[in-house]
Amino acid sequence: MVEHMVWIKFRSGVTPQRIEEHLTGLAGLSKTVPGVTKLSIGPNFTDRANGFTHGLLVTLASREALQTYQFHPEHVKVAGPLRQDAELMAMDIEV
């Protein structure tokens, strides 16, 4: 299993409605990308993340599933606009 973690810090001026659109798009990846076994997303509720406001945790079946996820057209469609509206930090670990 692979855990794909993403920290998200939305840029100033990004509206709450736009943030919700991004979160909805990310959540939908659990239904469209093969190999995703679990997906959690939500706002950070502590002050321990250096200003990062949201987190995404995706559990994938394997390293190969991570590769599929990264290049899947639905992920690309969601991630491109997100990168324009937010600073992202990602890490992948095998568990």
PDB file of N, CA and C in Angstrom:
ATOM      1  N   MET A   1       0.848  -1.177   0.000  1.00  0.00           N
ATOM      2  CA  MET A   1       0.000   0.000   0.000  1.00  0.00           C
ATOM      3  C   MET A   1       0.896   1.244   0.000  1.00  0.00           C
ATOM      4  N   VAL A   2       0.380   2.293  -0.626  1.00  0.00           N
ATOM      5  CA  VAL A   2       1.073   3.575  -0.698  1.00  0.00           C
ATOM      6  C   VAL A   2       0.147   4.655  -0.168  1.00  0.00           C
ATOM      7  N   GLU A   3       0.711   5.528   0.660  1.00  0.00           N
ATOM      8  CA  GLU A   3      -0.017   6.702   1.144  1.00  0.00           C
ATOM      9  C   GLU A   3       0.538   7.918   0.417  1.00  0.00           C
ATOM     10  N   HIS A   4      -0.338   8.619  -0.277  1.00  0.00           N
ATOM     11  CA  HIS A   4       0.007   9.847  -1.004  1.00  0.00           C
ATOM     12  C   HIS A   4      -0.593  11.001  -0.207  1.00  0.00           C
ATOM     13  N   MET A   5       0.283  11.848   0.341  1.00  0.00           N
ATOM     14  CA  MET A   5      -0.159  12.959   1.187  1.00  0.00           C
ATOM     15  C   MET A   5       0.109  14.274   0.481  1.00  0.00           C
ATOM     16  N   VAL A   6      -0.881  15.157   0.503  1.00  0.00           N
ATOM     17  CA  VAL A   6      -0.713  16.473  -0.104  1.00  0.00           C
ATOM     18  C   VAL A   6      -1.167  17.529   0.888  1.00  0.00           C
ATOM     19  N   TRP A   7      -0.305  18.511   1.106  1.00  0.00           N
ATOM     20  CA  TRP A   7      -0.652  19.687   1.903  1.00  0.00           C
ATOM     21  C   TRP A   7      -1.002  20.790   0.916  1.00  0.00           C
ATOM     22  N   ILE A   8      -2.064  21.518   1.214  1.00  0.00           N
ATOM     23  CA  ILE A   8      -2.589  22.542   0.307  1.00  0.00           C
ATOM     24  C   ILE A   8      -2.668  23.877   1.038  1.00  0.00           C
ATOM     25  N   LYS A   9      -2.114  24.924   0.418  1.00  0.00           N
ATOM     26  CA  LYS A   9      -2.217  26.283   0.952  1.00  0.00           C
ATOM     27  C   LYS A   9      -2.792  27.164  -0.169  1.00  0.00           C
ATOM     28  N   PHE A  10      -4.073  27.497  -0.049  1.00  0.00           N
ATOM     29  CA  PHE A  10      -4.711  28.302  -1.086  1.00  0.00           C
ATOM     30  C   PHE A  10      -4.158  29.719  -1.067  1.00  0.00           C
ATOM     31  N   ARG A  11      -3.959  30.268  -2.251  1.00  0.00           N
ATOM     32  CA  ARG A  11      -3.429  31.625  -2.390  1.00  0.00           C
ATOM     33  C   ARG A  11      -4.489  32.645  -1.960  1.00  0.00           C
ATOM     34  N   SER A  12      -4.036  33.795  -1.516  1.00  0.00           N
ATOM     35  CA  SER A  12      -4.986  34.838  -1.127  1.00  0.00           C
ATOM     36  C   SER A  12      -5.810  35.230  -2.346  1.00  0.00           C
ATOM     37  N   GLY A  13      -7.060  35.514  -2.111  1.00  0.00           N
ATOM     38  CA  GLY A  13      -7.963  35.884  -3.194  1.00  0.00           C
ATOM     39  C   GLY A  13      -8.756  34.729  -3.764  1.00  0.00           C
ATOM     40  N   VAL A  14      -8.385  33.497  -3.441  1.00  0.00           N
ATOM     41  CA  VAL A  14      -9.165  32.341  -3.899  1.00  0.00           C
ATOM     42  C   VAL A  14     -10.425  32.285  -3.032  1.00  0.00           C
ATOM     43  N   THR A  15     -11.566  32.319  -3.677  1.00  0.00           N
ATOM     44  CA  THR A  15     -12.835  32.398  -2.944  1.00  0.00           C
ATOM     45  C   THR A  15     -13.187  31.072  -2.273  1.00  0.00           C
ATOM     46  N   PRO A  16     -13.988  31.134  -1.224  1.00  0.00           N
ATOM     47  CA  PRO A  16     -14.457  29.891  -0.599  1.00  0.00           C
ATOM     48  C   PRO A  16     -15.173  28.975  -1.590  1.00  0.00           C
ATOM     49  N   GLN A  17     -15.912  29.554  -2.516  1.00  0.00           N
ATOM     50  CA  GLN A  17     -16.609  28.739  -3.525  1.00  0.00           C
ATOM     51  C   GLN A  17     -15.602  28.000  -4.409  1.00  0.00           C
ATOM     52  N   ARG A  18     -14.547  28.685  -4.806  1.00  0.00           N
ATOM     53  CA  ARG A  18     -13.524  28.060  -5.645  1.00  0.00           C
ATOM     54  C   ARG A  18     -12.796  26.955  -4.868  1.00  0.00           C
ATOM     55  N   ILE A  19     -12.519  27.210  -3.584  1.00  0.00           N
ATOM     56  CA  ILE A  19     -11.890  26.193  -2.747  1.00  0.00           C
ATOM     57  C   ILE A  19     -12.777  24.953  -2.690  1.00  0.00           C
ATOM     58  N   GLU A  20     -14.065  25.146  -2.497  1.00  0.00           N
ATOM     59  CA  GLU A  20     -14.990  24.013  -2.439  1.00  0.00           C
ATOM     60  C   GLU A  20     -15.011  23.251  -3.762  1.00  0.00           C
ATOM     61  N   GLU A  21     -14.923  23.947  -4.878  1.00  0.00           N
ATOM     62  CA  GLU A  21     -14.864  23.280  -6.183  1.00  0.00           C
ATOM     63  C   GLU A  21     -13.623  22.397  -6.276  1.00  0.00           C
ATOM     64  N   HIS A  22     -12.483  22.901  -5.795  1.00  0.00           N
ATOM     65  CA  HIS A  22     -11.256  22.104  -5.808  1.00  0.00           C
ATOM     66  C   HIS A  22     -11.412  20.862  -4.929  1.00  0.00           C
ATOM     67  N   LEU A  23     -11.957  21.040  -3.729  1.00  0.00           N
ATOM     68  CA  LEU A  23     -12.098  19.914  -2.809  1.00  0.00           C
ATOM     69  C   LEU A  23     -13.052  18.857  -3.360  1.00  0.00           C
ATOM     70  N   THR A  24     -14.129  19.300  -3.982  1.00  0.00           N
ATOM     71  CA  THR A  24     -15.079  18.370  -4.594  1.00  0.00           C
ATOM     72  C   THR A  24     -14.423  17.600  -5.730  1.00  0.00           C
ATOM     73  N   GLY A  25     -13.649  18.293  -6.544  1.00  0.00           N
ATOM     74  CA  GLY A  25     -12.940  17.635  -7.640  1.00  0.00           C
ATOM     75  C   GLY A  25     -11.952  16.594  -7.145  1.00  0.00           C
ATOM     76  N   LEU A  26     -11.211  16.940  -6.100  1.00  0.00           N
ATOM     77  CA  LEU A  26     -10.264  15.983  -5.526  1.00  0.00           C
ATOM     78  C   LEU A  26     -10.986  14.776  -4.945  1.00  0.00           C
ATOM     79  N   ALA A  27     -12.064  15.013  -4.218  1.00  0.00           N
ATOM     80  CA  ALA A  27     -12.823  13.912  -3.608  1.00  0.00           C
ATOM     81  C   ALA A  27     -13.343  12.948  -4.672  1.00  0.00           C
ATOM     82  N   GLY A  28     -13.709  13.459  -5.825  1.00  0.00           N
ATOM     83  CA  GLY A  28     -14.238  12.624  -6.899  1.00  0.00           C
ATOM     84  C   GLY A  28     -13.229  11.658  -7.488  1.00  0.00           C
ATOM     85  N   LEU A  29     -11.942  11.901  -7.249  1.00  0.00           N
ATOM     86  CA  LEU A  29     -10.918  11.011  -7.797  1.00  0.00           C
ATOM     87  C   LEU A  29     -11.026   9.602  -7.240  1.00  0.00           C
ATOM     88  N   SER A  30     -11.610   9.462  -6.059  1.00  0.00           N
ATOM     89  CA  SER A  30     -11.745   8.126  -5.471  1.00  0.00           C
ATOM     90  C   SER A  30     -12.680   7.247  -6.292  1.00  0.00           C
ATOM     91  N   LYS A  31     -13.540   7.858  -7.083  1.00  0.00           N
ATOM     92  CA  LYS A  31     -14.497   7.093  -7.889  1.00  0.00           C
ATOM     93  C   LYS A  31     -14.038   6.903  -9.334  1.00  0.00           C
ATOM     94  N   THR A  32     -13.024   7.668  -9.756  1.00  0.00           N
ATOM     95  CA  THR A  32     -12.663   7.639 -11.170  1.00  0.00           C
ATOM     96  C   THR A  32     -11.270   7.092 -11.466  1.00  0.00           C
ATOM     97  N   VAL A  33     -10.401   7.021 -10.463  1.00  0.00           N
ATOM     98  CA  VAL A  33      -9.031   6.582 -10.714  1.00  0.00           C
ATOM     99  C   VAL A  33      -8.831   5.172 -10.155  1.00  0.00           C
ATOM    100  N   PRO A  34      -8.458   4.218 -10.998  1.00  0.00           N
ATOM    101  CA  PRO A  34      -8.221   2.855 -10.524  1.00  0.00           C
ATOM    102  C   PRO A  34      -7.073   2.809  -9.524  1.00  0.00           C
ATOM    103  N   GLY A  35      -7.176   1.910  -8.553  1.00  0.00           N
ATOM    104  CA  GLY A  35      -6.111   1.719  -7.580  1.00  0.00           C
ATOM    105  C   GLY A  35      -6.254   2.532  -6.315  1.00  0.00           C
ATOM    106  N   VAL A  36      -7.179   3.509  -6.310  1.00  0.00           N
ATOM    107  CA  VAL A  36      -7.428   4.287  -5.099  1.00  0.00           C
ATOM    108  C   VAL A  36      -8.314   3.450  -4.183  1.00  0.00           C
ATOM    109  N   THR A  37      -7.822   3.144  -2.991  1.00  0.00           N
ATOM    110  CA  THR A  37      -8.616   2.350  -2.061  1.00  0.00           C
ATOM    111  C   THR A  37      -9.310   3.210  -1.011  1.00  0.00           C
ATOM    112  N   LYS A  38      -8.759   4.420  -0.778  1.00  0.00           N
ATOM    113  CA  LYS A  38      -9.370   5.337   0.181  1.00  0.00           C
ATOM    114  C   LYS A  38      -8.874   6.742  -0.112  1.00  0.00           C
ATOM    115  N   LEU A  39      -9.743   7.726   0.096  1.00  0.00           N
ATOM    116  CA  LEU A  39      -9.364   9.119  -0.105  1.00  0.00           C
ATOM    117  C   LEU A  39     -10.031   9.955   0.978  1.00  0.00           C
ATOM    118  N   SER A  40      -9.218  10.759   1.668  1.00  0.00           N
ATOM    119  CA  SER A  40      -9.726  11.668   2.693  1.00  0.00           C
ATOM    120  C   SER A  40      -9.218  13.061   2.388  1.00  0.00           C
ATOM    121  N   ILE A  41     -10.081  14.048   2.571  1.00  0.00           N
ATOM    122  CA  ILE A  41      -9.692  15.437   2.328  1.00  0.00           C
ATOM    123  C   ILE A  41     -10.429  16.323   3.310  1.00  0.00           C
ATOM    124  N   GLY A  42      -9.757  17.371   3.766  1.00  0.00           N
ATOM    125  CA  GLY A  42     -10.435  18.276   4.684  1.00  0.00           C
ATOM    126  C   GLY A  42      -9.556  19.429   5.108  1.00  0.00           C
ATOM    127  N   PRO A  43     -10.166  20.367   5.836  1.00  0.00           N
ATOM    128  CA  PRO A  43      -9.422  21.538   6.311  1.00  0.00           C
ATOM    129  C   PRO A  43      -8.555  21.182   7.523  1.00  0.00           C
ATOM    130  N   ASN A  44      -7.432  21.841   7.615  1.00  0.00           N
ATOM    131  CA  ASN A  44      -6.570  21.725   8.781  1.00  0.00           C
ATOM    132  C   ASN A  44      -7.212  22.502   9.926  1.00  0.00           C
ATOM    133  N   PHE A  45      -7.233  21.927  11.120  1.00  0.00           N
ATOM    134  CA  PHE A  45      -7.846  22.618  12.251  1.00  0.00           C
ATOM    135  C   PHE A  45      -6.829  23.028  13.320  1.00  0.00           C
ATOM    136  N   THR A  46      -5.524  22.881  13.000  1.00  0.00           N
ATOM    137  CA  THR A  46      -4.499  23.297  13.955  1.00  0.00           C
ATOM    138  C   THR A  46      -3.617  24.370  13.337  1.00  0.00           C
ATOM    139  N   ASP A  47      -2.707  24.890  14.133  1.00  0.00           N
ATOM    140  CA  ASP A  47      -1.772  25.894  13.630  1.00  0.00           C
ATOM    141  C   ASP A  47      -0.380  25.292  13.416  1.00  0.00           C
ATOM    142  N   ARG A  48      -0.316  23.984  13.202  1.00  0.00           N
ATOM    143  CA  ARG A  48       0.970  23.289  13.120  1.00  0.00           C
ATOM    144  C   ARG A  48       1.432  23.030  11.689  1.00  0.00           C
ATOM    145  N   ALA A  49       0.812  23.623  10.700  1.00  0.00           N
ATOM    146  CA  ALA A  49       1.122  23.264   9.314  1.00  0.00           C
ATOM    147  C   ALA A  49       1.688  24.428   8.502  1.00  0.00           C
ATOM    148  N   ASN A  50       2.297  25.390   9.170  1.00  0.00           N
ATOM    149  CA  ASN A  50       2.940  26.513   8.475  1.00  0.00           C
ATOM    150  C   ASN A  50       2.031  27.195   7.460  1.00  0.00           C
ATOM    151  N   GLY A  51       0.767  27.361   7.813  1.00  0.00           N
ATOM    152  CA  GLY A  51      -0.160  28.066   6.941  1.00  0.00           C
ATOM    153  C   GLY A  51      -0.867  27.203   5.907  1.00  0.00           C
ATOM    154  N   PHE A  52      -0.521  25.927   5.808  1.00  0.00           N
ATOM    155  CA  PHE A  52      -1.245  25.055   4.887  1.00  0.00           C
ATOM    156  C   PHE A  52      -2.638  24.836   5.463  1.00  0.00           C
ATOM    157  N   THR A  53      -3.624  24.988   4.617  1.00  0.00           N
ATOM    158  CA  THR A  53      -5.012  25.068   5.079  1.00  0.00           C
ATOM    159  C   THR A  53      -5.808  23.784   4.924  1.00  0.00           C
ATOM    160  N   HIS A  54      -5.383  22.903   4.036  1.00  0.00           N
ATOM    161  CA  HIS A  54      -6.140  21.682   3.755  1.00  0.00           C
ATOM    162  C   HIS A  54      -5.171  20.523   3.536  1.00  0.00           C
ATOM    163  N   GLY A  55      -5.675  19.319   3.743  1.00  0.00           N
ATOM    164  CA  GLY A  55      -4.871  18.133   3.506  1.00  0.00           C
ATOM    165  C   GLY A  55      -5.628  17.095   2.705  1.00  0.00           C
ATOM    166  N   LEU A  56      -4.879  16.331   1.932  1.00  0.00           N
ATOM    167  CA  LEU A  56      -5.419  15.240   1.130  1.00  0.00           C
ATOM    168  C   LEU A  56      -4.591  14.007   1.440  1.00  0.00           C
ATOM    169  N   LEU A  57      -5.256  12.900   1.729  1.00  0.00           N
ATOM    170  CA  LEU A  57      -4.581  11.626   1.957  1.00  0.00           C
ATOM    171  C   LEU A  57      -5.238  10.590   1.060  1.00  0.00           C
ATOM    172  N   VAL A  58      -4.443  10.018   0.165  1.00  0.00           N
ATOM    173  CA  VAL A  58      -4.944   9.019  -0.775  1.00  0.00           C
ATOM    174  C   VAL A  58      -4.200   7.714  -0.517  1.00  0.00           C
ATOM    175  N   THR A  59      -4.948   6.661  -0.246  1.00  0.00           N
ATOM    176  CA  THR A  59      -4.372   5.334  -0.084  1.00  0.00           C
ATOM    177  C   THR A  59      -4.518   4.609  -1.414  1.00  0.00           C
ATOM    178  N   LEU A  60      -3.401   4.105  -1.904  1.00  0.00           N
ATOM    179  CA  LEU A  60      -3.369   3.423  -3.191  1.00  0.00           C
ATOM    180  C   LEU A  60      -2.856   2.005  -3.003  1.00  0.00           C
ATOM    181  N   ALA A  61      -3.235   1.140  -3.903  1.00  0.00           N
ATOM    182  CA  ALA A  61      -2.923  -0.282  -3.789  1.00  0.00           C
ATOM    183  C   ALA A  61      -1.435  -0.590  -3.920  1.00  0.00           C
ATOM    184  N   SER A  62      -0.687   0.234  -4.679  1.00  0.00           N
ATOM    185  CA  SER A  62       0.710  -0.082  -4.953  1.00  0.00           C
ATOM    186  C   SER A  62       1.414   1.137  -5.533  1.00  0.00           C
ATOM    187  N   ARG A  63       2.727   1.001  -5.717  1.00  0.00           N
ATOM    188  CA  ARG A  63       3.478   2.067  -6.390  1.00  0.00           C
ATOM    189  C   ARG A  63       2.983   2.240  -7.828  1.00  0.00           C
ATOM    190  N   GLU A  64       2.644   1.142  -8.450  1.00  0.00           N
ATOM    191  CA  GLU A  64       2.125   1.221  -9.816  1.00  0.00           C
ATOM    192  C   GLU A  64       0.805   1.991  -9.842  1.00  0.00           C
ATOM    193  N   ALA A  65      -0.027   1.771  -8.834  1.00  0.00           N
ATOM    194  CA  ALA A  65      -1.293   2.510  -8.751  1.00  0.00           C
ATOM    195  C   ALA A  65      -1.039   4.003  -8.555  1.00  0.00           C
ATOM    196  N   LEU A  66       0.024   4.355  -7.832  1.00  0.00           N
ATOM    197  CA  LEU A  66       0.393   5.764  -7.672  1.00  0.00           C
ATOM    198  C   LEU A  66       0.760   6.366  -9.023  1.00  0.00           C
ATOM    199  N   GLN A  67       1.517   5.633  -9.820  1.00  0.00           N
ATOM    200  CA  GLN A  67       1.870   6.110 -11.164  1.00  0.00           C
ATOM    201  C   GLN A  67       0.614   6.322 -12.010  1.00  0.00           C
ATOM    202  N   THR A  68      -0.310   5.363 -11.944  1.00  0.00           N
ATOM    203  CA  THR A  68      -1.570   5.492 -12.674  1.00  0.00           C
ATOM    204  C   THR A  68      -2.321   6.724 -12.206  1.00  0.00           C
ATOM    205  N   TYR A  69      -2.394   6.922 -10.890  1.00  0.00           N
ATOM    206  CA  TYR A  69      -3.090   8.070 -10.299  1.00  0.00           C
ATOM    207  C   TYR A  69      -2.488   9.383 -10.794  1.00  0.00           C
ATOM    208  N   GLN A  70      -1.169   9.492 -10.741  1.00  0.00           N
ATOM    209  CA  GLN A  70      -0.508  10.750 -11.098  1.00  0.00           C
ATOM    210  C   GLN A  70      -0.772  11.165 -12.538  1.00  0.00           C
ATOM    211  N   PHE A  71      -0.865  10.206 -13.437  1.00  0.00           N
ATOM    212  CA  PHE A  71      -1.007  10.536 -14.855  1.00  0.00           C
ATOM    213  C   PHE A  71      -2.414  10.300 -15.398  1.00  0.00           C
ATOM    214  N   HIS A  72      -3.327   9.897 -14.525  1.00  0.00           N
ATOM    215  CA  HIS A  72      -4.701   9.654 -14.955  1.00  0.00           C
ATOM    216  C   HIS A  72      -5.324  10.979 -15.421  1.00  0.00           C
ATOM    217  N   PRO A  73      -6.063  10.974 -16.539  1.00  0.00           N
ATOM    218  CA  PRO A  73      -6.643  12.216 -17.069  1.00  0.00           C
ATOM    219  C   PRO A  73      -7.516  12.971 -16.064  1.00  0.00           C
ATOM    220  N   GLU A  74      -8.242  12.263 -15.219  1.00  0.00           N
ATOM    221  CA  GLU A  74      -9.086  12.950 -14.229  1.00  0.00           C
ATOM    222  C   GLU A  74      -8.240  13.654 -13.174  1.00  0.00           C
ATOM    223  N   HIS A  75      -7.131  13.037 -12.768  1.00  0.00           N
ATOM    224  CA  HIS A  75      -6.227  13.685 -11.812  1.00  0.00           C
ATOM    225  C   HIS A  75      -5.586  14.912 -12.443  1.00  0.00           C
ATOM    226  N   VAL A  76      -5.125  14.781 -13.662  1.00  0.00           N
ATOM    227  CA  VAL A  76      -4.502  15.901 -14.371  1.00  0.00           C
ATOM    228  C   VAL A  76      -5.491  17.063 -14.489  1.00  0.00           C
ATOM    229  N   LYS A  77      -6.743  16.738 -14.786  1.00  0.00           N
ATOM    230  CA  LYS A  77      -7.792  17.761 -14.938  1.00  0.00           C
ATOM    231  C   LYS A  77      -8.027  18.528 -13.632  1.00  0.00           C
ATOM    232  N   VAL A  78      -7.941  17.850 -12.506  1.00  0.00           N
ATOM    233  CA  VAL A  78      -8.167  18.477 -11.201  1.00  0.00           C
ATOM    234  C   VAL A  78      -6.896  19.169 -10.702  1.00  0.00           C
ATOM    235  N   ALA A  79      -5.753  18.530 -10.868  1.00  0.00           N
ATOM    236  CA  ALA A  79      -4.505  19.036 -10.299  1.00  0.00           C
ATOM    237  C   ALA A  79      -3.999  20.300 -10.993  1.00  0.00           C
ATOM    238  N   GLY A  80      -4.205  20.412 -12.284  1.00  0.00           N
ATOM    239  CA  GLY A  80      -3.724  21.596 -13.014  1.00  0.00           C
ATOM    240  C   GLY A  80      -4.278  22.897 -12.459  1.00  0.00           C
ATOM    241  N   PRO A  81      -5.599  23.035 -12.411  1.00  0.00           N
ATOM    242  CA  PRO A  81      -6.177  24.261 -11.848  1.00  0.00           C
ATOM    243  C   PRO A  81      -5.842  24.453 -10.362  1.00  0.00           C
ATOM    244  N   LEU A  82      -5.727  23.351  -9.621  1.00  0.00           N
ATOM    245  CA  LEU A  82      -5.385  23.457  -8.205  1.00  0.00           C
ATOM    246  C   LEU A  82      -4.009  24.094  -8.046  1.00  0.00           C
ATOM    247  N   ARG A  83      -3.067  23.697  -8.871  1.00  0.00           N
ATOM    248  CA  ARG A  83      -1.703  24.261  -8.797  1.00  0.00           C
ATOM    249  C   ARG A  83      -1.710  25.768  -9.084  1.00  0.00           C
ATOM    250  N   GLN A  84      -2.663  26.226  -9.857  1.00  0.00           N
ATOM    251  CA  GLN A  84      -2.763  27.664 -10.132  1.00  0.00           C
ATOM    252  C   GLN A  84      -3.288  28.431  -8.927  1.00  0.00           C
ATOM    253  N   ASP A  85      -4.129  27.793  -8.122  1.00  0.00           N
ATOM    254  CA  ASP A  85      -4.789  28.462  -6.999  1.00  0.00           C
ATOM    255  C   ASP A  85      -4.154  28.168  -5.646  1.00  0.00           C
ATOM    256  N   ALA A  86      -3.164  27.270  -5.591  1.00  0.00           N
ATOM    257  CA  ALA A  86      -2.626  26.872  -4.289  1.00  0.00           C
ATOM    258  C   ALA A  86      -1.166  26.460  -4.396  1.00  0.00           C
ATOM    259  N   GLU A  87      -0.492  26.591  -3.276  1.00  0.00           N
ATOM    260  CA  GLU A  87       0.830  26.007  -3.113  1.00  0.00           C
ATOM    261  C   GLU A  87       0.608  24.587  -2.601  1.00  0.00           C
ATOM    262  N   LEU A  88       1.338  23.634  -3.154  1.00  0.00           N
ATOM    263  CA  LEU A  88       1.167  22.237  -2.777  1.00  0.00           C
ATOM    264  C   LEU A  88       2.485  21.647  -2.303  1.00  0.00           C
ATOM    265  N   MET A  89       2.393  20.728  -1.367  1.00  0.00           N
ATOM    266  CA  MET A  89       3.529  19.959  -0.926  1.00  0.00           C
ATOM    267  C   MET A  89       3.048  18.503  -0.843  1.00  0.00           C
ATOM    268  N   ALA A  90       3.812  17.585  -1.429  1.00  0.00           N
ATOM    269  CA  ALA A  90       3.372  16.190  -1.473  1.00  0.00           C
ATOM    270  C   ALA A  90       4.476  15.261  -0.995  1.00  0.00           C
ATOM    271  N   MET A  91       4.022  14.107  -0.488  1.00  0.00           N
ATOM    272  CA  MET A  91       4.945  13.056  -0.062  1.00  0.00           C
ATOM    273  C   MET A  91       4.247  11.724  -0.270  1.00  0.00           C
ATOM    274  N   ASP A  92       5.016  10.715  -0.610  1.00  0.00           N
ATOM    275  CA  ASP A  92       4.484   9.374  -0.813  1.00  0.00           C
ATOM    276  C   ASP A  92       5.294   8.404   0.033  1.00  0.00           C
ATOM    277  N   ILE A  93       4.592   7.550   0.785  1.00  0.00           N
ATOM    278  CA  ILE A  93       5.278   6.543   1.588  1.00  0.00           C
ATOM    279  C   ILE A  93       4.636   5.182   1.334  1.00  0.00           C
ATOM    280  N   GLU A  94       5.454   4.161   1.440  1.00  0.00           N
ATOM    281  CA  GLU A  94       4.944   2.800   1.292  1.00  0.00           C
ATOM    282  C   GLU A  94       4.733   2.219   2.687  1.00  0.00           C
ATOM    283  N   VAL A  95       3.559   1.662   2.904  1.00  0.00           N
ATOM    284  CA  VAL A  95       3.234   1.123   4.229  1.00  0.00           C
ATOM    285  C   VAL A  95       2.903  -0.350   4.138  1.00  0.00           C
TER     286      VAL A  95
END
